[in-house]
């Protein structure tokens, strides 16, 4: 009785096949959603950068008063 030989893919080929299968399951956003989410991220980043800059300026000013 001879066994049917089934060739197994090596791990690299299997990885790419599984990756491709998973990417087909992804629900990609439409252009409008990408633009609105990008606007939110950029706005929040600018706001946080300004806030941290103001806090840094205040701490530098206070420590400057303490050191003098």
PDB file of N, CA and C in Angstrom:
ATOM      1  N   UNK A   1       0.819  -1.174   0.000  1.00  0.00           N
ATOM      2  CA  UNK A   1       0.000   0.000   0.000  1.00  0.00           C
ATOM      3  C   UNK A   1       0.876   1.256   0.000  1.00  0.00           C
ATOM      4  N   UNK A   2       0.790   2.051  -1.026  1.00  0.00           N
ATOM      5  CA  UNK A   2       1.615   3.239  -1.139  1.00  0.00           C
ATOM      6  C   UNK A   2       0.830   4.458  -0.668  1.00  0.00           C
ATOM      7  N   UNK A   3       1.512   5.277   0.104  1.00  0.00           N
ATOM      8  CA  UNK A   3       0.883   6.517   0.565  1.00  0.00           C
ATOM      9  C   UNK A   3       0.965   7.569  -0.538  1.00  0.00           C
ATOM     10  N   UNK A   4      -0.068   8.371  -0.626  1.00  0.00           N
ATOM     11  CA  UNK A   4      -0.051   9.465  -1.593  1.00  0.00           C
ATOM     12  C   UNK A   4       0.869  10.550  -1.036  1.00  0.00           C
ATOM     13  N   UNK A   5       1.823  10.948  -1.834  1.00  0.00           N
ATOM     14  CA  UNK A   5       2.763  11.962  -1.342  1.00  0.00           C
ATOM     15  C   UNK A   5       2.173  13.354  -1.584  1.00  0.00           C
ATOM     16  N   UNK A   6       2.094  14.095  -0.509  1.00  0.00           N
ATOM     17  CA  UNK A   6       1.589  15.465  -0.577  1.00  0.00           C
ATOM     18  C   UNK A   6       2.754  16.385  -0.263  1.00  0.00           C
ATOM     19  N   UNK A   7       3.064  17.273  -1.193  1.00  0.00           N
ATOM     20  CA  UNK A   7       4.185  18.168  -1.005  1.00  0.00           C
ATOM     21  C   UNK A   7       3.739  19.327  -0.117  1.00  0.00           C
ATOM     22  N   UNK A   8       4.460  19.523   0.981  1.00  0.00           N
ATOM     23  CA  UNK A   8       4.164  20.652   1.861  1.00  0.00           C
ATOM     24  C   UNK A   8       4.952  21.861   1.394  1.00  0.00           C
ATOM     25  N   UNK A   9       4.301  23.036   1.495  1.00  0.00           N
ATOM     26  CA  UNK A   9       4.999  24.277   1.171  1.00  0.00           C
ATOM     27  C   UNK A   9       5.992  24.591   2.280  1.00  0.00           C
ATOM     28  N   UNK A  10       7.091  25.198   1.893  1.00  0.00           N
ATOM     29  CA  UNK A  10       8.019  25.612   2.938  1.00  0.00           C
ATOM     30  C   UNK A  10       7.420  26.816   3.673  1.00  0.00           C
ATOM     31  N   UNK A  11       8.027  27.201   4.779  1.00  0.00           N
ATOM     32  CA  UNK A  11       7.413  28.219   5.635  1.00  0.00           C
ATOM     33  C   UNK A  11       7.322  29.584   4.968  1.00  0.00           C
ATOM     34  N   UNK A  12       8.213  29.902   4.062  1.00  0.00           N
ATOM     35  CA  UNK A  12       8.164  31.208   3.389  1.00  0.00           C
ATOM     36  C   UNK A  12       6.983  31.257   2.428  1.00  0.00           C
ATOM     37  N   UNK A  13       6.808  30.226   1.646  1.00  0.00           N
ATOM     38  CA  UNK A  13       5.685  30.173   0.704  1.00  0.00           C
ATOM     39  C   UNK A  13       4.372  30.168   1.465  1.00  0.00           C
ATOM     40  N   UNK A  14       4.302  29.385   2.542  1.00  0.00           N
ATOM     41  CA  UNK A  14       3.083  29.325   3.361  1.00  0.00           C
ATOM     42  C   UNK A  14       2.775  30.697   3.970  1.00  0.00           C
ATOM     43  N   UNK A  15       3.815  31.390   4.438  1.00  0.00           N
ATOM     44  CA  UNK A  15       3.633  32.724   5.018  1.00  0.00           C
ATOM     45  C   UNK A  15       2.995  33.674   3.999  1.00  0.00           C
ATOM     46  N   UNK A  16       3.533  33.708   2.786  1.00  0.00           N
ATOM     47  CA  UNK A  16       2.994  34.619   1.779  1.00  0.00           C
ATOM     48  C   UNK A  16       1.584  34.228   1.346  1.00  0.00           C
ATOM     49  N   UNK A  17       1.288  32.950   1.279  1.00  0.00           N
ATOM     50  CA  UNK A  17      -0.072  32.516   0.932  1.00  0.00           C
ATOM     51  C   UNK A  17      -1.063  32.935   2.014  1.00  0.00           C
ATOM     52  N   UNK A  18      -0.681  32.741   3.276  1.00  0.00           N
ATOM     53  CA  UNK A  18      -1.566  33.120   4.374  1.00  0.00           C
ATOM     54  C   UNK A  18      -1.729  34.631   4.467  1.00  0.00           C
ATOM     55  N   UNK A  19      -0.645  35.366   4.199  1.00  0.00           N
ATOM     56  CA  UNK A  19      -0.718  36.829   4.209  1.00  0.00           C
ATOM     57  C   UNK A  19      -1.663  37.324   3.131  1.00  0.00           C
ATOM     58  N   UNK A  20      -1.569  36.754   1.950  1.00  0.00           N
ATOM     59  CA  UNK A  20      -2.450  37.153   0.845  1.00  0.00           C
ATOM     60  C   UNK A  20      -3.907  36.842   1.177  1.00  0.00           C
ATOM     61  N   UNK A  21      -4.143  35.693   1.789  1.00  0.00           N
ATOM     62  CA  UNK A  21      -5.512  35.328   2.167  1.00  0.00           C
ATOM     63  C   UNK A  21      -6.065  36.295   3.207  1.00  0.00           C
ATOM     64  N   UNK A  22      -5.233  36.701   4.169  1.00  0.00           N
ATOM     65  CA  UNK A  22      -5.697  37.641   5.199  1.00  0.00           C
ATOM     66  C   UNK A  22      -5.961  39.017   4.606  1.00  0.00           C
ATOM     67  N   UNK A  23      -5.131  39.456   3.667  1.00  0.00           N
ATOM     68  CA  UNK A  23      -5.325  40.770   3.057  1.00  0.00           C
ATOM     69  C   UNK A  23      -6.617  40.825   2.238  1.00  0.00           C
ATOM     70  N   UNK A  24      -7.065  39.692   1.734  1.00  0.00           N
ATOM     71  CA  UNK A  24      -8.334  39.669   1.000  1.00  0.00           C
ATOM     72  C   UNK A  24      -9.527  39.858   1.931  1.00  0.00           C
ATOM     73  N   UNK A  25      -9.335  39.565   3.223  1.00  0.00           N
ATOM     74  CA  UNK A  25     -10.414  39.715   4.206  1.00  0.00           C
ATOM     75  C   UNK A  25     -10.539  41.143   4.732  1.00  0.00           C
ATOM     76  N   UNK A  26      -9.534  41.971   4.463  1.00  0.00           N
ATOM     77  CA  UNK A  26      -9.497  43.319   5.021  1.00  0.00           C
ATOM     78  C   UNK A  26     -10.580  44.190   4.388  1.00  0.00           C
ATOM     79  N   UNK A  27     -11.239  44.963   5.222  1.00  0.00           N
ATOM     80  CA  UNK A  27     -12.215  45.940   4.742  1.00  0.00           C
ATOM     81  C   UNK A  27     -11.496  47.282   4.609  1.00  0.00           C
ATOM     82  N   UNK A  28     -11.134  47.621   3.388  1.00  0.00           N
ATOM     83  CA  UNK A  28     -10.349  48.828   3.168  1.00  0.00           C
ATOM     84  C   UNK A  28     -11.253  50.059   3.218  1.00  0.00           C
ATOM     85  N   UNK A  29     -10.787  51.171   3.821  1.00  0.00           N
ATOM     86  CA  UNK A  29     -11.602  52.392   3.906  1.00  0.00           C
ATOM     87  C   UNK A  29     -11.694  53.072   2.544  1.00  0.00           C
ATOM     88  N   UNK A  30     -12.787  53.818   2.372  1.00  0.00           N
ATOM     89  CA  UNK A  30     -12.910  54.567   1.127  1.00  0.00           C
ATOM     90  C   UNK A  30     -12.137  55.888   1.246  1.00  0.00           C
ATOM     91  N   UNK A  31     -12.048  56.608   0.152  1.00  0.00           N
ATOM     92  CA  UNK A  31     -11.237  57.830   0.101  1.00  0.00           C
ATOM     93  C   UNK A  31     -11.704  58.863   1.113  1.00  0.00           C
ATOM     94  N   UNK A  32     -13.004  59.051   1.249  1.00  0.00           N
ATOM     95  CA  UNK A  32     -13.539  60.054   2.169  1.00  0.00           C
ATOM     96  C   UNK A  32     -13.171  59.722   3.617  1.00  0.00           C
ATOM     97  N   UNK A  33     -13.256  58.455   3.975  1.00  0.00           N
ATOM     98  CA  UNK A  33     -12.897  58.038   5.333  1.00  0.00           C
ATOM     99  C   UNK A  33     -11.414  58.257   5.605  1.00  0.00           C
ATOM    100  N   UNK A  34     -10.572  57.957   4.628  1.00  0.00           N
ATOM    101  CA  UNK A  34      -9.131  58.170   4.786  1.00  0.00           C
ATOM    102  C   UNK A  34      -8.834  59.647   4.982  1.00  0.00           C
ATOM    103  N   UNK A  35      -9.462  60.505   4.185  1.00  0.00           N
ATOM    104  CA  UNK A  35      -9.220  61.939   4.301  1.00  0.00           C
ATOM    105  C   UNK A  35      -9.684  62.485   5.649  1.00  0.00           C
ATOM    106  N   UNK A  36     -10.855  62.064   6.103  1.00  0.00           N
ATOM    107  CA  UNK A  36     -11.353  62.586   7.378  1.00  0.00           C
ATOM    108  C   UNK A  36     -10.500  62.095   8.551  1.00  0.00           C
ATOM    109  N   UNK A  37     -10.087  60.838   8.531  1.00  0.00           N
ATOM    110  CA  UNK A  37      -9.247  60.320   9.617  1.00  0.00           C
ATOM    111  C   UNK A  37      -7.852  60.950   9.585  1.00  0.00           C
ATOM    112  N   UNK A  38      -7.329  61.203   8.393  1.00  0.00           N
ATOM    113  CA  UNK A  38      -6.035  61.875   8.278  1.00  0.00           C
ATOM    114  C   UNK A  38      -6.124  63.286   8.837  1.00  0.00           C
ATOM    115  N   UNK A  39      -7.210  63.996   8.537  1.00  0.00           N
ATOM    116  CA  UNK A  39      -7.413  65.347   9.058  1.00  0.00           C
ATOM    117  C   UNK A  39      -7.458  65.321  10.587  1.00  0.00           C
ATOM    118  N   UNK A  40      -8.156  64.348  11.158  1.00  0.00           N
ATOM    119  CA  UNK A  40      -8.250  64.241  12.614  1.00  0.00           C
ATOM    120  C   UNK A  40      -6.866  64.003  13.220  1.00  0.00           C
ATOM    121  N   UNK A  41      -6.097  63.106  12.645  1.00  0.00           N
ATOM    122  CA  UNK A  41      -4.762  62.783  13.174  1.00  0.00           C
ATOM    123  C   UNK A  41      -3.834  63.998  13.077  1.00  0.00           C
ATOM    124  N   UNK A  42      -3.842  64.679  11.938  1.00  0.00           N
ATOM    125  CA  UNK A  42      -2.963  65.840  11.768  1.00  0.00           C
ATOM    126  C   UNK A  42      -3.375  66.955  12.719  1.00  0.00           C
ATOM    127  N   UNK A  43      -4.671  67.212  12.858  1.00  0.00           N
ATOM    128  CA  UNK A  43      -5.153  68.244  13.772  1.00  0.00           C
ATOM    129  C   UNK A  43      -4.768  67.931  15.210  1.00  0.00           C
ATOM    130  N   UNK A  44      -4.970  66.698  15.635  1.00  0.00           N
ATOM    131  CA  UNK A  44      -4.632  66.296  16.997  1.00  0.00           C
ATOM    132  C   UNK A  44      -3.124  66.400  17.227  1.00  0.00           C
ATOM    133  N   UNK A  45      -2.325  66.027  16.241  1.00  0.00           N
ATOM    134  CA  UNK A  45      -0.870  66.108  16.367  1.00  0.00           C
ATOM    135  C   UNK A  45      -0.413  67.549  16.524  1.00  0.00           C
ATOM    136  N   UNK A  46      -0.965  68.448  15.724  1.00  0.00           N
ATOM    137  CA  UNK A  46      -0.610  69.867  15.832  1.00  0.00           C
ATOM    138  C   UNK A  46      -1.047  70.411  17.189  1.00  0.00           C
ATOM    139  N   UNK A  47      -2.244  70.062  17.639  1.00  0.00           N
ATOM    140  CA  UNK A  47      -2.734  70.517  18.941  1.00  0.00           C
ATOM    141  C   UNK A  47      -1.820  70.041  20.066  1.00  0.00           C
ATOM    142  N   UNK A  48      -1.452  68.761  20.058  1.00  0.00           N
ATOM    143  CA  UNK A  48      -0.604  68.223  21.118  1.00  0.00           C
ATOM    144  C   UNK A  48       0.801  68.826  21.069  1.00  0.00           C
ATOM    145  N   UNK A  49       1.328  69.079  19.877  1.00  0.00           N
ATOM    146  CA  UNK A  49       2.640  69.704  19.753  1.00  0.00           C
ATOM    147  C   UNK A  49       2.609  71.113  20.342  1.00  0.00           C
ATOM    148  N   UNK A  50       1.551  71.868  20.053  1.00  0.00           N
ATOM    149  CA  UNK A  50       1.419  73.215  20.608  1.00  0.00           C
ATOM    150  C   UNK A  50       1.269  73.159  22.127  1.00  0.00           C
ATOM    151  N   UNK A  51       0.443  72.246  22.622  1.00  0.00           N
ATOM    152  CA  UNK A  51       0.236  72.118  24.055  1.00  0.00           C
ATOM    153  C   UNK A  51       1.543  71.760  24.771  1.00  0.00           C
ATOM    154  N   UNK A  52       2.260  70.795  24.248  1.00  0.00           N
ATOM    155  CA  UNK A  52       3.538  70.413  24.862  1.00  0.00           C
ATOM    156  C   UNK A  52       4.567  71.534  24.759  1.00  0.00           C
ATOM    157  N   UNK A  53       4.537  72.291  23.680  1.00  0.00           N
ATOM    158  CA  UNK A  53       5.436  73.442  23.547  1.00  0.00           C
ATOM    159  C   UNK A  53       5.136  74.501  24.590  1.00  0.00           C
ATOM    160  N   UNK A  54       3.862  74.763  24.821  1.00  0.00           N
ATOM    161  CA  UNK A  54       3.462  75.742  25.841  1.00  0.00           C
ATOM    162  C   UNK A  54       3.866  75.257  27.232  1.00  0.00           C
ATOM    163  N   UNK A  55       3.608  73.986  27.526  1.00  0.00           N
ATOM    164  CA  UNK A  55       3.991  73.430  28.831  1.00  0.00           C
ATOM    165  C   UNK A  55       5.506  73.491  28.998  1.00  0.00           C
ATOM    166  N   UNK A  56       6.264  73.181  27.976  1.00  0.00           N
ATOM    167  CA  UNK A  56       7.725  73.246  28.037  1.00  0.00           C
ATOM    168  C   UNK A  56       8.183  74.680  28.294  1.00  0.00           C
ATOM    169  N   UNK A  57       7.575  75.628  27.627  1.00  0.00           N
ATOM    170  CA  UNK A  57       7.930  77.037  27.817  1.00  0.00           C
ATOM    171  C   UNK A  57       7.652  77.475  29.257  1.00  0.00           C
ATOM    172  N   UNK A  58       6.511  77.063  29.800  1.00  0.00           N
ATOM    173  CA  UNK A  58       6.153  77.435  31.172  1.00  0.00           C
ATOM    174  C   UNK A  58       7.151  76.820  32.160  1.00  0.00           C
ATOM    175  N   UNK A  59       7.463  75.535  31.992  1.00  0.00           N
ATOM    176  CA  UNK A  59       8.426  74.901  32.899  1.00  0.00           C
ATOM    177  C   UNK A  59       9.803  75.552  32.788  1.00  0.00           C
ATOM    178  N   UNK A  60      10.232  75.873  31.583  1.00  0.00           N
ATOM    179  CA  UNK A  60      11.535  76.530  31.408  1.00  0.00           C
ATOM    180  C   UNK A  60      11.530  77.886  32.099  1.00  0.00           C
ATOM    181  N   UNK A  61      10.449  78.630  31.995  1.00  0.00           N
ATOM    182  CA  UNK A  61      10.331  79.941  32.629  1.00  0.00           C
ATOM    183  C   UNK A  61      10.360  79.806  34.154  1.00  0.00           C
ATOM    184  N   UNK A  62       9.589  78.826  34.693  1.00  0.00           N
ATOM    185  CA  UNK A  62       9.550  78.623  36.142  1.00  0.00           C
ATOM    186  C   UNK A  62      10.925  78.186  36.657  1.00  0.00           C
ATOM    187  N   UNK A  63      11.548  77.235  35.996  1.00  0.00           N
ATOM    188  CA  UNK A  63      12.885  76.808  36.439  1.00  0.00           C
ATOM    189  C   UNK A  63      13.903  77.913  36.293  1.00  0.00           C
ATOM    190  N   UNK A  64      13.729  78.764  35.297  1.00  0.00           N
ATOM    191  CA  UNK A  64      14.619  79.935  35.149  1.00  0.00           C
ATOM    192  C   UNK A  64      14.469  80.869  36.333  1.00  0.00           C
ATOM    193  N   UNK A  65      13.252  81.060  36.827  1.00  0.00           N
ATOM    194  CA  UNK A  65      13.039  81.897  38.020  1.00  0.00           C
ATOM    195  C   UNK A  65      13.651  81.254  39.257  1.00  0.00           C
ATOM    196  N   UNK A  66      13.550  79.928  39.369  1.00  0.00           N
ATOM    197  CA  UNK A  66      14.067  79.230  40.539  1.00  0.00           C
ATOM    198  C   UNK A  66      15.598  79.271  40.551  1.00  0.00           C
ATOM    199  N   UNK A  67      16.225  79.105  39.427  1.00  0.00           N
ATOM    200  CA  UNK A  67      17.689  79.036  39.352  1.00  0.00           C
ATOM    201  C   UNK A  67      18.324  80.393  39.592  1.00  0.00           C
ATOM    202  N   UNK A  68      17.691  81.465  39.188  1.00  0.00           N
ATOM    203  CA  UNK A  68      18.274  82.796  39.335  1.00  0.00           C
ATOM    204  C   UNK A  68      18.518  83.161  40.743  1.00  0.00           C
TER     205      UNK A  68
END
